[in-house]
Protein backbone atom coordinates (compact mmCIF):
# COMPACT_ATOMS: atom_id res chain seq x y z
CA ALA A 1 85.29 -76.22 130.54
CA LEU A 2 87.60 -73.55 129.30
CA ASP A 3 89.72 -72.46 132.21
CA LEU A 4 90.33 -68.79 131.72
CA ALA A 5 92.90 -68.37 134.49
CA THR A 6 94.80 -70.76 132.44
CA VAL A 7 94.32 -70.01 128.78
CA GLY A 8 93.68 -66.27 129.43
CA HIS A 9 90.93 -65.62 126.76
CA TYR A 10 88.21 -67.09 124.35
CA ASP A 11 86.36 -65.96 121.18
CA GLN A 12 83.21 -68.23 120.56
CA GLU A 13 80.29 -67.70 118.08
CA TYR A 14 77.14 -69.63 118.68
CA ARG A 15 73.51 -69.67 118.12
CA ILE A 16 70.78 -69.23 120.57
CA LEU A 17 67.01 -70.05 120.61
CA ARG A 18 65.07 -67.30 122.36
CA PRO A 19 61.57 -67.89 124.04
CA ASP A 20 59.71 -66.51 121.10
CA GLY A 21 61.23 -69.28 119.11
CA SER A 22 63.74 -66.85 117.03
CA THR A 23 67.23 -67.63 116.63
CA ARG A 24 70.10 -65.20 117.37
CA TRP A 25 73.85 -65.52 116.87
CA ILE A 26 76.18 -64.43 119.68
CA ARG A 27 79.84 -63.65 119.53
CA ASP A 28 81.02 -64.22 122.97
CA ARG A 29 84.57 -63.33 124.04
CA ALA A 30 86.43 -62.95 127.42
CA PHE A 31 90.18 -62.30 128.51
CA SER A 32 91.86 -62.16 131.78
CA ILE A 33 93.27 -59.02 133.49
CA ARG A 34 96.58 -59.70 135.27
CA ASP A 35 98.69 -57.43 137.42
CA ASP A 36 102.56 -56.65 136.54
CA GLN A 37 103.47 -59.91 138.57
CA GLY A 38 101.02 -61.91 136.37
CA ASN A 39 98.37 -62.62 138.76
CA LEU A 40 94.88 -62.66 137.96
CA LEU A 41 92.95 -59.75 138.84
CA ARG A 42 89.60 -60.39 137.01
CA ILE A 43 88.04 -61.59 133.98
CA ALA A 44 86.42 -59.44 131.67
CA GLY A 45 83.85 -60.20 128.66
CA LEU A 46 81.78 -59.04 126.01
CA ALA A 47 78.98 -60.91 124.10
CA GLU A 48 77.25 -59.10 121.32
CA ASP A 49 74.54 -60.33 118.77
CA ILE A 50 76.09 -60.64 115.45
CA THR A 51 72.71 -62.21 113.75
CA ASP A 52 72.65 -59.82 110.74
CA ARG A 53 76.55 -60.48 110.15
CA LYS A 54 76.09 -64.14 110.13
CA LEU A 55 72.81 -64.21 107.84
CA THR A 56 74.84 -62.17 105.29
CA GLU A 57 77.75 -64.66 105.55
CA ILE A 58 75.38 -67.86 105.14
CA ALA A 59 73.67 -65.85 102.34
CA LEU A 60 77.05 -65.25 100.44
CA GLN A 61 78.16 -68.82 101.04
CA GLN A 62 74.97 -70.22 99.66
CA GLN A 63 75.20 -67.80 96.62
CA THR A 64 79.10 -68.73 95.99
CA GLY A 65 78.15 -72.28 96.02
CA LYS A 66 75.47 -71.96 93.75
CA GLU A 67 77.65 -70.08 91.30
CA ALA A 68 80.25 -72.75 91.65
CA LEU A 69 77.79 -75.50 90.59
CA ARG A 70 76.62 -73.44 87.60
CA TRP A 71 80.46 -73.26 86.14
CA LYS A 72 81.18 -76.71 86.63
């Protein structure tokens, strides 16, 4: 498990399966907020749906791969 008190942040992308069977891509970030002495005050985080971006990235990677094979 990731210890935010020690590391101070994380930034991960992963897929989730929704109850309706659809898959969504999530970018999940968190970071620690500290006082002037470095003591941990709280942990803040954001989670956003990046499905559209990921599907575009995947499509571009697939297209690039097909073009590379065609030029060999």
